[in-house]
Amino acid sequence: YPQFEESFQATIATFGHIDIVINNAGIMND
């Protein structure tokens, strides 16, 4: 969670804001 949060913070620091979030990361391994 903290690293995920940092990604949001770094994106906003660079671009000013965020409009779209694509939750795409995933694996398939039962």
PDB file of all heavy atoms in Angstrom:
ATOM      1  N   TYR A   1       0.810  -1.217   0.000  1.00  0.00           N
ATOM      2  CA  TYR A   1       0.000   0.000   0.000  1.00  0.00           C
ATOM      3  C   TYR A   1       0.845   1.271   0.000  1.00  0.00           C
ATOM      4  O   TYR A   1       0.583   2.186  -0.789  1.00  0.00           O
ATOM      5  CB  TYR A   1      -0.977  -0.002   1.176  1.00  0.00           C
ATOM      6  CG  TYR A   1      -1.959   1.149   1.145  1.00  0.00           C
ATOM      7  CD1 TYR A   1      -3.196   1.020   0.521  1.00  0.00           C
ATOM      8  CD2 TYR A   1      -1.640   2.377   1.717  1.00  0.00           C
ATOM      9  CE1 TYR A   1      -4.091   2.081   0.461  1.00  0.00           C
ATOM     10  CE2 TYR A   1      -2.522   3.441   1.663  1.00  0.00           C
ATOM     11  CZ  TYR A   1      -3.749   3.286   1.038  1.00  0.00           C
ATOM     12  OH  TYR A   1      -4.613   4.348   0.982  1.00  0.00           O
ATOM     13  N   PRO A   2       1.861   1.377   0.875  1.00  0.00           N
ATOM     14  CA  PRO A   2       2.665   2.609   0.865  1.00  0.00           C
ATOM     15  C   PRO A   2       3.321   2.879  -0.487  1.00  0.00           C
ATOM     16  O   PRO A   2       3.371   4.029  -0.937  1.00  0.00           O
ATOM     17  CB  PRO A   2       3.704   2.364   1.965  1.00  0.00           C
ATOM     18  CG  PRO A   2       3.048   1.400   2.894  1.00  0.00           C
ATOM     19  CD  PRO A   2       2.251   0.499   1.994  1.00  0.00           C
ATOM     20  N   GLN A   3       3.835   1.830  -1.148  1.00  0.00           N
ATOM     21  CA  GLN A   3       4.458   2.042  -2.457  1.00  0.00           C
ATOM     22  C   GLN A   3       3.429   2.422  -3.507  1.00  0.00           C
ATOM     23  O   GLN A   3       3.685   3.279  -4.374  1.00  0.00           O
ATOM     24  CB  GLN A   3       5.226   0.789  -2.888  1.00  0.00           C
ATOM     25  CG  GLN A   3       6.114   1.012  -4.101  1.00  0.00           C
ATOM     26  CD  GLN A   3       6.937  -0.207  -4.467  1.00  0.00           C
ATOM     27  OE1 GLN A   3       6.451  -1.111  -5.142  1.00  0.00           O
ATOM     28  NE2 GLN A   3       8.183  -0.239  -4.011  1.00  0.00           N
ATOM     29  N   PHE A   4       2.263   1.816  -3.430  1.00  0.00           N
ATOM     30  CA  PHE A   4       1.168   2.154  -4.342  1.00  0.00           C
ATOM     31  C   PHE A   4       0.781   3.624  -4.136  1.00  0.00           C
ATOM     32  O   PHE A   4       0.598   4.387  -5.099  1.00  0.00           O
ATOM     33  CB  PHE A   4      -0.024   1.238  -4.068  1.00  0.00           C
ATOM     34  CG  PHE A   4      -0.958   1.011  -5.227  1.00  0.00           C
ATOM     35  CD1 PHE A   4      -1.891  -0.011  -5.180  1.00  0.00           C
ATOM     36  CD2 PHE A   4      -0.924   1.824  -6.354  1.00  0.00           C
ATOM     37  CE1 PHE A   4      -2.769  -0.232  -6.235  1.00  0.00           C
ATOM     38  CE2 PHE A   4      -1.801   1.614  -7.424  1.00  0.00           C
ATOM     39  CZ  PHE A   4      -2.725   0.595  -7.351  1.00  0.00           C
ATOM     40  N   GLU A   5       0.679   4.022  -2.898  1.00  0.00           N
ATOM     41  CA  GLU A   5       0.371   5.407  -2.561  1.00  0.00           C
ATOM     42  C   GLU A   5       1.421   6.361  -3.132  1.00  0.00           C
ATOM     43  O   GLU A   5       1.092   7.429  -3.671  1.00  0.00           O
ATOM     44  CB  GLU A   5       0.291   5.554  -1.039  1.00  0.00           C
ATOM     45  CG  GLU A   5      -0.012   6.948  -0.544  1.00  0.00           C
ATOM     46  CD  GLU A   5       0.016   7.016   0.974  1.00  0.00           C
ATOM     47  OE1 GLU A   5       0.845   6.310   1.600  1.00  0.00           O
ATOM     48  OE2 GLU A   5      -0.792   7.779   1.533  1.00  0.00           O
ATOM     49  N   GLU A   6       2.684   5.978  -3.034  1.00  0.00           N
ATOM     50  CA  GLU A   6       3.769   6.803  -3.566  1.00  0.00           C
ATOM     51  C   GLU A   6       3.646   6.990  -5.079  1.00  0.00           C
ATOM     52  O   GLU A   6       4.026   8.039  -5.613  1.00  0.00           O
ATOM     53  CB  GLU A   6       5.120   6.179  -3.214  1.00  0.00           C
ATOM     54  CG  GLU A   6       5.501   6.302  -1.745  1.00  0.00           C
ATOM     55  CD  GLU A   6       6.743   5.508  -1.387  1.00  0.00           C
ATOM     56  OE1 GLU A   6       7.377   4.948  -2.312  1.00  0.00           O
ATOM     57  OE2 GLU A   6       7.068   5.434  -0.185  1.00  0.00           O
ATOM     58  N   SER A   7       3.128   5.974  -5.761  1.00  0.00           N
ATOM     59  CA  SER A   7       2.932   6.101  -7.208  1.00  0.00           C
ATOM     60  C   SER A   7       1.926   7.204  -7.527  1.00  0.00           C
ATOM     61  O   SER A   7       2.108   7.984  -8.467  1.00  0.00           O
ATOM     62  CB  SER A   7       2.466   4.772  -7.800  1.00  0.00           C
ATOM     63  OG  SER A   7       3.450   3.777  -7.658  1.00  0.00           O
ATOM     64  N   PHE A   8       0.857   7.271  -6.734  1.00  0.00           N
ATOM     65  CA  PHE A   8      -0.127   8.339  -6.907  1.00  0.00           C
ATOM     66  C   PHE A   8       0.522   9.694  -6.623  1.00  0.00           C
ATOM     67  O   PHE A   8       0.348  10.652  -7.388  1.00  0.00           O
ATOM     68  CB  PHE A   8      -1.317   8.116  -5.971  1.00  0.00           C
ATOM     69  CG  PHE A   8      -2.368   7.193  -6.515  1.00  0.00           C
ATOM     70  CD1 PHE A   8      -2.183   5.822  -6.520  1.00  0.00           C
ATOM     71  CD2 PHE A   8      -3.560   7.698  -7.018  1.00  0.00           C
ATOM     72  CE1 PHE A   8      -3.155   4.964  -7.013  1.00  0.00           C
ATOM     73  CE2 PHE A   8      -4.545   6.853  -7.518  1.00  0.00           C
ATOM     74  CZ  PHE A   8      -4.340   5.487  -7.518  1.00  0.00           C
ATOM     75  N   GLN A   9       1.273   9.767  -5.537  1.00  0.00           N
ATOM     76  CA  GLN A   9       1.906  11.028  -5.153  1.00  0.00           C
ATOM     77  C   GLN A   9       2.914  11.494  -6.194  1.00  0.00           C
ATOM     78  O   GLN A   9       2.960  12.686  -6.534  1.00  0.00           O
ATOM     79  CB  GLN A   9       2.575  10.869  -3.785  1.00  0.00           C
ATOM     80  CG  GLN A   9       1.579  10.652  -2.647  1.00  0.00           C
ATOM     81  CD  GLN A   9       2.248  10.218  -1.353  1.00  0.00           C
ATOM     82  OE1 GLN A   9       3.341   9.628  -1.375  1.00  0.00           O
ATOM     83  NE2 GLN A   9       1.601  10.481  -0.220  1.00  0.00           N
ATOM     84  N   ALA A  10       3.715  10.556  -6.718  1.00  0.00           N
ATOM     85  CA  ALA A  10       4.721  10.910  -7.723  1.00  0.00           C
ATOM     86  C   ALA A  10       4.072  11.367  -9.022  1.00  0.00           C
ATOM     87  O   ALA A  10       4.549  12.299  -9.687  1.00  0.00           O
ATOM     88  CB  ALA A  10       5.639   9.710  -7.988  1.00  0.00           C
ATOM     89  N   THR A  11       2.980  10.717  -9.389  1.00  0.00           N
ATOM     90  CA  THR A  11       2.261  11.093 -10.605  1.00  0.00           C
ATOM     91  C   THR A  11       1.688  12.504 -10.483  1.00  0.00           C
ATOM     92  O   THR A  11       1.799  13.324 -11.401  1.00  0.00           O
ATOM     93  CB  THR A  11       1.140  10.080 -10.898  1.00  0.00           C
ATOM     94  OG1 THR A  11       1.707   8.765 -11.011  1.00  0.00           O
ATOM     95  CG2 THR A  11       0.417  10.425 -12.193  1.00  0.00           C
ATOM     96  N   ILE A  12       1.092  12.789  -9.331  1.00  0.00           N
ATOM     97  CA  ILE A  12       0.518  14.124  -9.099  1.00  0.00           C
ATOM     98  C   ILE A  12       1.624  15.179  -9.029  1.00  0.00           C
ATOM     99  O   ILE A  12       1.477  16.291  -9.551  1.00  0.00           O
ATOM    100  CB  ILE A  12      -0.335  14.114  -7.822  1.00  0.00           C
ATOM    101  CG1 ILE A  12      -1.589  13.251  -8.032  1.00  0.00           C
ATOM    102  CG2 ILE A  12      -0.737  15.537  -7.420  1.00  0.00           C
ATOM    103  CD1 ILE A  12      -2.378  12.970  -6.776  1.00  0.00           C
ATOM    104  N   ALA A  13       2.753  14.819  -8.414  1.00  0.00           N
ATOM    105  CA  ALA A  13       3.877  15.762  -8.330  1.00  0.00           C
ATOM    106  C   ALA A  13       4.397  16.123  -9.714  1.00  0.00           C
ATOM    107  O   ALA A  13       4.833  17.258  -9.953  1.00  0.00           O
ATOM    108  CB  ALA A  13       4.999  15.158  -7.490  1.00  0.00           C
ATOM    109  N   THR A  14       4.342  15.177 -10.650  1.00  0.00           N
ATOM    110  CA  THR A  14       4.839  15.409 -12.011  1.00  0.00           C
ATOM    111  C   THR A  14       3.812  16.098 -12.898  1.00  0.00           C
ATOM    112  O   THR A  14       4.129  17.073 -13.595  1.00  0.00           O
ATOM    113  CB  THR A  14       5.257  14.076 -12.664  1.00  0.00           C
ATOM    114  OG1 THR A  14       6.260  13.448 -11.859  1.00  0.00           O
ATOM    115  CG2 THR A  14       5.798  14.306 -14.070  1.00  0.00           C
ATOM    116  N   PHE A  15       2.589  15.597 -12.871  1.00  0.00           N
ATOM    117  CA  PHE A  15       1.572  16.074 -13.816  1.00  0.00           C
ATOM    118  C   PHE A  15       0.520  16.991 -13.202  1.00  0.00           C
ATOM    119  O   PHE A  15      -0.326  17.527 -13.926  1.00  0.00           O
ATOM    120  CB  PHE A  15       0.881  14.872 -14.478  1.00  0.00           C
ATOM    121  CG  PHE A  15       1.790  14.011 -15.312  1.00  0.00           C
ATOM    122  CD1 PHE A  15       1.838  12.633 -15.120  1.00  0.00           C
ATOM    123  CD2 PHE A  15       2.598  14.570 -16.296  1.00  0.00           C
ATOM    124  CE1 PHE A  15       2.668  11.827 -15.898  1.00  0.00           C
ATOM    125  CE2 PHE A  15       3.429  13.776 -17.076  1.00  0.00           C
ATOM    126  CZ  PHE A  15       3.461  12.400 -16.879  1.00  0.00           C
ATOM    127  N   GLY A  16       0.536  17.146 -11.880  1.00  0.00           N
ATOM    128  CA  GLY A  16      -0.394  18.062 -11.227  1.00  0.00           C
ATOM    129  C   GLY A  16      -1.654  17.440 -10.683  1.00  0.00           C
ATOM    130  O   GLY A  16      -2.214  17.894  -9.687  1.00  0.00           O
ATOM    131  N   HIS A  17      -2.107  16.367 -11.325  1.00  0.00           N
ATOM    132  CA  HIS A  17      -3.332  15.686 -10.888  1.00  0.00           C
ATOM    133  C   HIS A  17      -3.428  14.348 -11.626  1.00  0.00           C
ATOM    134  O   HIS A  17      -2.573  14.041 -12.464  1.00  0.00           O
ATOM    135  CB  HIS A  17      -4.569  16.542 -11.185  1.00  0.00           C
ATOM    136  CG  HIS A  17      -4.796  16.763 -12.655  1.00  0.00           C
ATOM    137  ND1 HIS A  17      -4.077  17.673 -13.395  1.00  0.00           N
ATOM    138  CD2 HIS A  17      -5.653  16.156 -13.528  1.00  0.00           C
ATOM    139  CE1 HIS A  17      -4.481  17.642 -14.653  1.00  0.00           C
ATOM    140  NE2 HIS A  17      -5.433  16.716 -14.759  1.00  0.00           N
ATOM    141  N   ILE A  18      -4.457  13.577 -11.322  1.00  0.00           N
ATOM    142  CA  ILE A  18      -4.754  12.326 -12.027  1.00  0.00           C
ATOM    143  C   ILE A  18      -6.228  12.342 -12.400  1.00  0.00           C
ATOM    144  O   ILE A  18      -7.081  12.708 -11.582  1.00  0.00           O
ATOM    145  CB  ILE A  18      -4.454  11.082 -11.157  1.00  0.00           C
ATOM    146  CG1 ILE A  18      -2.977  11.045 -10.754  1.00  0.00           C
ATOM    147  CG2 ILE A  18      -4.837   9.790 -11.898  1.00  0.00           C
ATOM    148  CD1 ILE A  18      -2.660   9.969  -9.725  1.00  0.00           C
ATOM    149  N   ASP A  19      -6.538  11.942 -13.635  1.00  0.00           N
ATOM    150  CA  ASP A  19      -7.926  11.859 -14.092  1.00  0.00           C
ATOM    151  C   ASP A  19      -8.419  10.421 -14.229  1.00  0.00           C
ATOM    152  O   ASP A  19      -9.605  10.149 -14.064  1.00  0.00           O
ATOM    153  CB  ASP A  19      -8.074  12.519 -15.471  1.00  0.00           C
ATOM    154  CG  ASP A  19      -7.642  13.971 -15.477  1.00  0.00           C
ATOM    155  OD1 ASP A  19      -8.323  14.793 -14.833  1.00  0.00           O
ATOM    156  OD2 ASP A  19      -6.608  14.283 -16.116  1.00  0.00           O
ATOM    157  N   ILE A  20      -7.489   9.530 -14.580  1.00  0.00           N
ATOM    158  CA  ILE A  20      -7.849   8.146 -14.914  1.00  0.00           C
ATOM    159  C   ILE A  20      -6.929   7.194 -14.166  1.00  0.00           C
ATOM    160  O   ILE A  20      -5.705   7.374 -14.182  1.00  0.00           O
ATOM    161  CB  ILE A  20      -7.707   7.883 -16.430  1.00  0.00           C
ATOM    162  CG1 ILE A  20      -8.600   8.844 -17.244  1.00  0.00           C
ATOM    163  CG2 ILE A  20      -8.026   6.439 -16.780  1.00  0.00           C
ATOM    164  CD1 ILE A  20      -8.254   8.881 -18.729  1.00  0.00           C
ATOM    165  N   VAL A  21      -7.502   6.187 -13.520  1.00  0.00           N
ATOM    166  CA  VAL A  21      -6.722   5.127 -12.881  1.00  0.00           C
ATOM    167  C   VAL A  21      -7.127   3.801 -13.508  1.00  0.00           C
ATOM    168  O   VAL A  21      -8.314   3.439 -13.511  1.00  0.00           O
ATOM    169  CB  VAL A  21      -6.959   5.090 -11.357  1.00  0.00           C
ATOM    170  CG1 VAL A  21      -6.261   3.881 -10.727  1.00  0.00           C
ATOM    171  CG2 VAL A  21      -6.465   6.387 -10.708  1.00  0.00           C
ATOM    172  N   ILE A  22      -6.154   3.083 -14.049  1.00  0.00           N
ATOM    173  CA  ILE A  22      -6.400   1.775 -14.650  1.00  0.00           C
ATOM    174  C   ILE A  22      -5.771   0.718 -13.750  1.00  0.00           C
ATOM    175  O   ILE A  22      -4.549   0.576 -13.697  1.00  0.00           O
ATOM    176  CB  ILE A  22      -5.805   1.662 -16.072  1.00  0.00           C
ATOM    177  CG1 ILE A  22      -6.201   2.864 -16.934  1.00  0.00           C
ATOM    178  CG2 ILE A  22      -6.235   0.349 -16.715  1.00  0.00           C
ATOM    179  CD1 ILE A  22      -7.667   2.987 -17.226  1.00  0.00           C
ATOM    180  N   ASN A  23      -6.603  -0.009 -13.011  1.00  0.00           N
ATOM    181  CA  ASN A  23      -6.127  -1.113 -12.176  1.00  0.00           C
ATOM    182  C   ASN A  23      -5.998  -2.348 -13.057  1.00  0.00           C
ATOM    183  O   ASN A  23      -6.977  -3.060 -13.307  1.00  0.00           O
ATOM    184  CB  ASN A  23      -7.106  -1.369 -11.026  1.00  0.00           C
ATOM    185  CG  ASN A  23      -7.057  -0.287  -9.974  1.00  0.00           C
ATOM    186  OD1 ASN A  23      -5.985   0.122  -9.530  1.00  0.00           O
ATOM    187  ND2 ASN A  23      -8.222   0.186  -9.559  1.00  0.00           N
ATOM    188  N   ASN A  24      -4.789  -2.584 -13.546  1.00  0.00           N
ATOM    189  CA  ASN A  24      -4.569  -3.632 -14.542  1.00  0.00           C
ATOM    190  C   ASN A  24      -3.649  -4.749 -14.070  1.00  0.00           C
ATOM    191  O   ASN A  24      -3.713  -5.866 -14.593  1.00  0.00           O
ATOM    192  CB  ASN A  24      -3.987  -3.000 -15.813  1.00  0.00           C
ATOM    193  CG  ASN A  24      -3.514  -4.026 -16.801  1.00  0.00           C
ATOM    194  OD1 ASN A  24      -4.314  -4.689 -17.470  1.00  0.00           O
ATOM    195  ND2 ASN A  24      -2.199  -4.192 -16.907  1.00  0.00           N
ATOM    196  N   ALA A  25      -2.779  -4.489 -13.075  1.00  0.00           N
ATOM    197  CA  ALA A  25      -1.825  -5.512 -12.642  1.00  0.00           C
ATOM    198  C   ALA A  25      -2.549  -6.789 -12.224  1.00  0.00           C
ATOM    199  O   ALA A  25      -3.531  -6.743 -11.480  1.00  0.00           O
ATOM    200  CB  ALA A  25      -0.987  -4.976 -11.483  1.00  0.00           C
ATOM    201  N   GLY A  26      -2.051  -7.920 -12.701  1.00  0.00           N
ATOM    202  CA  GLY A  26      -2.686  -9.189 -12.346  1.00  0.00           C
ATOM    203  C   GLY A  26      -1.833 -10.377 -12.738  1.00  0.00           C
ATOM    204  O   GLY A  26      -0.952 -10.270 -13.603  1.00  0.00           O
ATOM    205  N   ILE A  27      -2.068 -11.496 -12.088  1.00  0.00           N
ATOM    206  CA  ILE A  27      -1.404 -12.748 -12.435  1.00  0.00           C
ATOM    207  C   ILE A  27      -2.452 -13.856 -12.494  1.00  0.00           C
ATOM    208  O   ILE A  27      -3.557 -13.707 -11.968  1.00  0.00           O
ATOM    209  CB  ILE A  27      -0.307 -13.141 -11.409  1.00  0.00           C
ATOM    210  CG1 ILE A  27      -0.925 -13.421 -10.036  1.00  0.00           C
ATOM    211  CG2 ILE A  27       0.764 -12.062 -11.327  1.00  0.00           C
ATOM    212  CD1 ILE A  27       0.045 -14.057  -9.043  1.00  0.00           C
ATOM    213  N   MET A  28      -2.104 -14.936 -13.147  1.00  0.00           N
ATOM    214  CA  MET A  28      -2.927 -16.148 -13.088  1.00  0.00           C
ATOM    215  C   MET A  28      -2.031 -17.287 -12.648  1.00  0.00           C
ATOM    216  O   MET A  28      -1.230 -17.801 -13.426  1.00  0.00           O
ATOM    217  CB  MET A  28      -3.558 -16.476 -14.445  1.00  0.00           C
ATOM    218  CG  MET A  28      -4.623 -17.568 -14.341  1.00  0.00           C
ATOM    219  SD  MET A  28      -5.096 -18.287 -15.925  1.00  0.00           S
ATOM    220  CE  MET A  28      -3.734 -19.455 -16.157  1.00  0.00           C
ATOM    221  N   ASN A  29      -2.118 -17.646 -11.376  1.00  0.00           N
ATOM    222  CA  ASN A  29      -1.351 -18.768 -10.847  1.00  0.00           C
ATOM    223  C   ASN A  29      -2.024 -19.265  -9.579  1.00  0.00           C
ATOM    224  O   ASN A  29      -1.774 -18.755  -8.487  1.00  0.00           O
ATOM    225  CB  ASN A  29       0.094 -18.370 -10.568  1.00  0.00           C
ATOM    226  CG  ASN A  29       0.988 -19.588 -10.395  1.00  0.00           C
ATOM    227  OD1 ASN A  29       0.561 -20.587  -9.821  1.00  0.00           O
ATOM    228  ND2 ASN A  29       2.214 -19.512 -10.897  1.00  0.00           N
ATOM    229  N   ASP A  30      -2.898 -20.246  -9.739  1.00  0.00           N
ATOM    230  CA  ASP A  30      -3.652 -20.766  -8.599  1.00  0.00           C
ATOM    231  C   ASP A  30      -2.763 -21.498  -7.591  1.00  0.00           C
ATOM    232  O   ASP A  30      -3.170 -21.705  -6.447  1.00  0.00           O
ATOM    233  CB  ASP A  30      -4.767 -21.707  -9.080  1.00  0.00           C
ATOM    234  CG  ASP A  30      -6.036 -20.948  -9.452  1.00  0.00           C
ATOM    235  OD1 ASP A  30      -5.971 -19.704  -9.566  1.00  0.00           O
ATOM    236  OD2 ASP A  30      -7.092 -21.594  -9.625  1.00  0.00           O
TER     237      ASP A  30
END
